N, C-alpha and C. Protein backbone atom coordinates (compact mmCIF):
# COMPACT_ATOMS: atom_id res chain seq x y z
N MET A 1 25.23 -3.29 12.81
CA MET A 1 24.61 -4.55 12.50
C MET A 1 25.67 -5.56 12.12
N LYS A 2 25.41 -6.77 12.50
CA LYS A 2 26.34 -7.82 12.16
C LYS A 2 26.02 -8.38 10.78
N ALA A 3 26.97 -9.05 10.21
CA ALA A 3 26.81 -9.59 8.87
C ALA A 3 25.66 -10.58 8.78
N ARG A 4 25.44 -11.35 9.83
CA ARG A 4 24.35 -12.35 9.78
C ARG A 4 22.98 -11.67 9.78
N HIS A 5 22.87 -10.51 10.44
CA HIS A 5 21.60 -9.78 10.42
C HIS A 5 21.32 -9.23 9.02
N ILE A 6 22.35 -8.73 8.40
CA ILE A 6 22.19 -8.21 7.05
C ILE A 6 21.83 -9.33 6.08
N LYS A 7 22.43 -10.49 6.26
CA LYS A 7 22.13 -11.65 5.42
C LYS A 7 20.67 -12.06 5.58
N GLU A 8 20.15 -12.04 6.80
CA GLU A 8 18.75 -12.38 7.05
C GLU A 8 17.82 -11.34 6.42
N LEU A 9 18.18 -10.07 6.54
CA LEU A 9 17.37 -9.02 5.94
C LEU A 9 17.33 -9.13 4.42
N ARG A 10 18.43 -9.51 3.82
CA ARG A 10 18.45 -9.68 2.36
C ARG A 10 17.50 -10.79 1.93
N LYS A 11 17.41 -11.86 2.73
CA LYS A 11 16.49 -12.96 2.42
C LYS A 11 15.04 -12.49 2.52
N VAL A 12 14.75 -11.66 3.52
CA VAL A 12 13.40 -11.14 3.69
C VAL A 12 13.04 -10.20 2.54
N ILE A 13 13.94 -9.33 2.20
CA ILE A 13 13.68 -8.34 1.14
C ILE A 13 13.57 -9.02 -0.23
N ALA A 14 14.21 -10.16 -0.40
CA ALA A 14 14.13 -10.88 -1.68
C ALA A 14 12.70 -11.34 -1.96
N ASN A 15 11.89 -11.51 -0.91
CA ASN A 15 10.50 -11.96 -1.08
C ASN A 15 9.53 -10.81 -1.29
N PHE A 16 9.99 -9.58 -1.23
CA PHE A 16 9.11 -8.44 -1.42
C PHE A 16 8.65 -8.34 -2.87
N LYS A 17 7.44 -7.85 -3.06
CA LYS A 17 6.88 -7.62 -4.40
C LYS A 17 6.50 -6.15 -4.51
N GLU A 18 6.34 -5.70 -5.73
CA GLU A 18 5.99 -4.30 -5.96
C GLU A 18 4.47 -4.15 -6.04
N TYR A 19 3.95 -3.16 -5.33
CA TYR A 19 2.53 -2.86 -5.32
C TYR A 19 2.32 -1.39 -5.62
N GLU A 20 1.23 -1.09 -6.29
CA GLU A 20 0.85 0.29 -6.57
C GLU A 20 -0.31 0.65 -5.64
N VAL A 21 -0.12 1.68 -4.83
CA VAL A 21 -1.14 2.06 -3.85
C VAL A 21 -1.67 3.44 -4.20
N SER A 22 -3.00 3.55 -4.22
CA SER A 22 -3.65 4.85 -4.40
C SER A 22 -4.83 4.91 -3.45
N TYR A 23 -5.25 6.12 -3.13
CA TYR A 23 -6.38 6.25 -2.21
C TYR A 23 -7.53 6.99 -2.88
N SER A 24 -8.70 6.78 -2.34
CA SER A 24 -9.93 7.31 -2.91
C SER A 24 -9.98 8.82 -2.77
N SER A 25 -10.36 9.48 -3.85
CA SER A 25 -10.47 10.93 -3.82
C SER A 25 -11.84 11.39 -3.33
N GLY A 26 -12.77 10.47 -3.20
CA GLY A 26 -14.11 10.81 -2.75
C GLY A 26 -14.74 9.63 -2.04
N LEU A 27 -16.05 9.59 -2.09
CA LEU A 27 -16.78 8.51 -1.43
C LEU A 27 -17.03 7.34 -2.37
N PHE A 28 -17.23 6.20 -1.80
CA PHE A 28 -17.70 5.00 -2.49
C PHE A 28 -16.83 4.59 -3.67
N GLY A 29 -15.55 4.41 -3.43
CA GLY A 29 -14.65 3.86 -4.43
C GLY A 29 -14.33 4.77 -5.59
N ASP A 30 -14.39 6.08 -5.40
CA ASP A 30 -14.08 7.04 -6.45
C ASP A 30 -12.57 7.27 -6.46
N PHE A 31 -11.84 6.38 -7.13
CA PHE A 31 -10.37 6.47 -7.11
C PHE A 31 -9.84 7.48 -8.10
N GLY A 32 -10.54 7.75 -9.16
CA GLY A 32 -10.14 8.80 -10.07
C GLY A 32 -8.93 8.48 -10.91
N VAL A 33 -8.30 7.34 -10.70
CA VAL A 33 -7.16 6.92 -11.52
C VAL A 33 -7.43 5.54 -12.06
N LYS A 34 -6.84 5.25 -13.18
CA LYS A 34 -6.97 3.92 -13.75
C LYS A 34 -6.05 2.97 -13.00
N ALA A 35 -6.26 1.68 -13.18
CA ALA A 35 -5.46 0.69 -12.46
C ALA A 35 -3.97 0.82 -12.80
N GLY A 36 -3.63 1.27 -14.00
CA GLY A 36 -2.24 1.40 -14.40
C GLY A 36 -1.57 2.65 -13.85
N GLU A 37 -2.36 3.67 -13.55
CA GLU A 37 -1.81 4.91 -13.02
C GLU A 37 -1.92 4.86 -11.50
N CYS A 38 -0.85 5.16 -10.81
CA CYS A 38 -0.89 5.02 -9.36
C CYS A 38 -0.32 6.27 -8.69
N CYS A 39 -0.55 6.33 -7.39
CA CYS A 39 0.01 7.42 -6.61
C CYS A 39 1.43 7.09 -6.16
N LYS A 40 1.65 5.85 -5.75
CA LYS A 40 2.95 5.49 -5.20
C LYS A 40 3.21 4.00 -5.40
N LYS A 41 4.43 3.66 -5.78
CA LYS A 41 4.84 2.26 -5.87
C LYS A 41 5.57 1.89 -4.59
N ILE A 42 5.16 0.77 -4.00
CA ILE A 42 5.68 0.35 -2.70
C ILE A 42 6.17 -1.09 -2.81
N MET A 43 7.28 -1.40 -2.17
CA MET A 43 7.76 -2.78 -2.06
C MET A 43 7.32 -3.33 -0.71
N ALA A 44 6.64 -4.50 -0.72
CA ALA A 44 6.14 -5.08 0.52
C ALA A 44 5.93 -6.58 0.34
N ARG A 45 5.67 -7.26 1.47
CA ARG A 45 5.42 -8.71 1.45
C ARG A 45 4.04 -9.03 0.89
N ASN A 46 3.03 -8.24 1.28
CA ASN A 46 1.65 -8.48 0.83
C ASN A 46 0.95 -7.14 0.66
N SER A 47 -0.29 -7.20 0.21
CA SER A 47 -1.00 -5.96 -0.11
C SER A 47 -1.35 -5.15 1.14
N GLN A 48 -1.65 -5.80 2.22
CA GLN A 48 -1.99 -5.06 3.45
C GLN A 48 -0.76 -4.33 3.99
N GLU A 49 0.38 -4.98 3.95
CA GLU A 49 1.60 -4.32 4.39
C GLU A 49 1.96 -3.16 3.47
N ALA A 50 1.61 -3.28 2.18
CA ALA A 50 1.87 -2.18 1.24
C ALA A 50 1.09 -0.94 1.64
N VAL A 51 -0.17 -1.11 2.07
CA VAL A 51 -0.96 0.05 2.52
C VAL A 51 -0.35 0.64 3.78
N GLU A 52 0.07 -0.22 4.73
CA GLU A 52 0.68 0.27 5.95
C GLU A 52 1.96 1.06 5.67
N ARG A 53 2.78 0.54 4.76
CA ARG A 53 4.02 1.24 4.40
C ARG A 53 3.71 2.55 3.68
N TYR A 54 2.66 2.56 2.86
CA TYR A 54 2.26 3.79 2.17
C TYR A 54 1.85 4.85 3.19
N LEU A 55 1.08 4.46 4.20
CA LEU A 55 0.65 5.42 5.22
C LEU A 55 1.83 5.98 6.00
N LYS A 56 2.82 5.15 6.28
CA LYS A 56 4.03 5.62 6.96
C LYS A 56 4.78 6.61 6.07
N TRP A 57 4.90 6.29 4.78
CA TRP A 57 5.58 7.19 3.85
C TRP A 57 4.84 8.53 3.76
N TYR A 58 3.51 8.47 3.68
CA TYR A 58 2.70 9.69 3.58
C TYR A 58 2.94 10.59 4.79
N PHE A 59 2.98 9.99 5.98
CA PHE A 59 3.19 10.77 7.19
C PHE A 59 4.58 11.42 7.20
N ARG A 60 5.60 10.68 6.77
CA ARG A 60 6.95 11.25 6.73
C ARG A 60 7.06 12.37 5.71
N LYS A 61 6.41 12.22 4.56
CA LYS A 61 6.52 13.22 3.50
C LYS A 61 5.76 14.50 3.81
N TYR A 62 4.49 14.37 4.24
CA TYR A 62 3.62 15.52 4.40
C TYR A 62 3.47 16.01 5.85
N LYS A 63 4.09 15.32 6.80
CA LYS A 63 4.06 15.70 8.22
C LYS A 63 2.64 15.74 8.80
N CYS A 64 1.75 14.97 8.21
CA CYS A 64 0.39 14.82 8.73
C CYS A 64 -0.14 13.48 8.23
N ARG A 65 -1.16 13.00 8.87
CA ARG A 65 -1.73 11.72 8.48
C ARG A 65 -2.65 11.89 7.28
N ASN A 66 -2.75 10.84 6.51
CA ASN A 66 -3.69 10.80 5.40
C ASN A 66 -5.10 10.85 5.95
N ARG A 67 -6.03 11.46 5.22
CA ARG A 67 -7.38 11.59 5.73
C ARG A 67 -8.08 10.24 5.87
N HIS A 68 -7.57 9.21 5.20
CA HIS A 68 -8.14 7.88 5.32
C HIS A 68 -7.32 6.98 6.24
N HIS A 69 -6.39 7.55 7.00
CA HIS A 69 -5.51 6.74 7.84
C HIS A 69 -6.31 5.98 8.90
N THR A 70 -5.99 4.70 9.06
CA THR A 70 -6.62 3.88 10.07
C THR A 70 -5.62 2.83 10.54
N ASN A 71 -5.77 2.40 11.77
CA ASN A 71 -4.90 1.35 12.29
C ASN A 71 -5.47 -0.04 12.04
N ASN A 72 -6.74 -0.10 11.67
CA ASN A 72 -7.41 -1.37 11.47
C ASN A 72 -7.80 -1.50 10.00
N LEU A 73 -6.91 -2.04 9.19
CA LEU A 73 -7.18 -2.20 7.76
C LEU A 73 -7.99 -3.46 7.53
N VAL A 74 -9.07 -3.33 6.78
CA VAL A 74 -9.95 -4.45 6.47
C VAL A 74 -10.11 -4.52 4.96
N GLU A 75 -9.96 -5.71 4.40
CA GLU A 75 -10.18 -5.86 2.96
C GLU A 75 -11.67 -5.80 2.68
N THR A 76 -12.03 -5.07 1.65
CA THR A 76 -13.44 -4.83 1.37
C THR A 76 -13.67 -4.78 -0.14
N SER A 77 -14.87 -4.44 -0.55
CA SER A 77 -15.20 -4.34 -1.97
C SER A 77 -14.79 -2.96 -2.51
N ARG A 78 -14.86 -2.82 -3.81
CA ARG A 78 -14.45 -1.57 -4.45
C ARG A 78 -15.29 -0.40 -3.97
N TRP A 79 -16.56 -0.61 -3.74
CA TRP A 79 -17.46 0.50 -3.41
C TRP A 79 -17.21 1.05 -2.02
N TRP A 80 -16.66 0.26 -1.10
CA TRP A 80 -16.39 0.75 0.25
C TRP A 80 -14.91 0.99 0.48
N GLY A 81 -14.08 0.67 -0.49
CA GLY A 81 -12.63 0.79 -0.32
C GLY A 81 -12.13 2.23 -0.31
N LYS A 82 -11.15 2.47 0.52
CA LYS A 82 -10.50 3.78 0.55
C LYS A 82 -9.10 3.71 -0.04
N PHE A 83 -8.53 2.50 -0.06
CA PHE A 83 -7.21 2.29 -0.66
C PHE A 83 -7.31 1.21 -1.72
N MET A 84 -6.71 1.45 -2.87
CA MET A 84 -6.66 0.46 -3.94
C MET A 84 -5.22 0.01 -4.09
N VAL A 85 -5.02 -1.31 -4.05
CA VAL A 85 -3.68 -1.88 -4.17
C VAL A 85 -3.66 -2.81 -5.37
N VAL A 86 -2.75 -2.54 -6.30
CA VAL A 86 -2.61 -3.35 -7.50
C VAL A 86 -1.23 -3.99 -7.47
N ASP A 87 -1.18 -5.33 -7.60
CA ASP A 87 0.13 -5.98 -7.60
C ASP A 87 0.70 -6.03 -9.01
N SER A 88 1.87 -6.63 -9.16
CA SER A 88 2.56 -6.63 -10.45
C SER A 88 1.82 -7.46 -11.51
N LYS A 89 0.98 -8.39 -11.09
CA LYS A 89 0.22 -9.21 -12.04
C LYS A 89 -1.09 -8.57 -12.45
N GLY A 90 -1.48 -7.50 -11.78
CA GLY A 90 -2.70 -6.79 -12.13
C GLY A 90 -3.88 -7.07 -11.22
N TYR A 91 -3.68 -7.90 -10.19
CA TYR A 91 -4.77 -8.15 -9.25
C TYR A 91 -4.99 -6.93 -8.36
N THR A 92 -6.25 -6.58 -8.15
CA THR A 92 -6.59 -5.40 -7.39
C THR A 92 -7.29 -5.79 -6.10
N ARG A 93 -6.88 -5.16 -5.01
CA ARG A 93 -7.52 -5.36 -3.71
C ARG A 93 -7.85 -3.99 -3.15
N TYR A 94 -8.91 -3.96 -2.36
CA TYR A 94 -9.37 -2.71 -1.79
C TYR A 94 -9.38 -2.84 -0.28
N PHE A 95 -8.98 -1.77 0.40
CA PHE A 95 -8.95 -1.77 1.87
C PHE A 95 -9.68 -0.57 2.40
N MET A 96 -10.26 -0.75 3.58
CA MET A 96 -11.02 0.30 4.23
C MET A 96 -10.39 0.63 5.55
């Protein structure tokens, strides 16, 4: 890689924020963990990308896909959510 590519990547990474991603242990928003306790901390641009990066990490670590893995992430309510994403300010979003 050339120095200018690395410089551009540093600018992109500077905008990343930390998100806590956890997935539902059962049906209908049964996350089983409090908002402060998480499964994995992920650095990403936004909450949807945090879920995508979490799914990639899960596949690399366990050599299989997560049971809630999907290519079409949709933001939804807590009761239908399979993934809970909490940002550094405490805002929570749910994805299906």
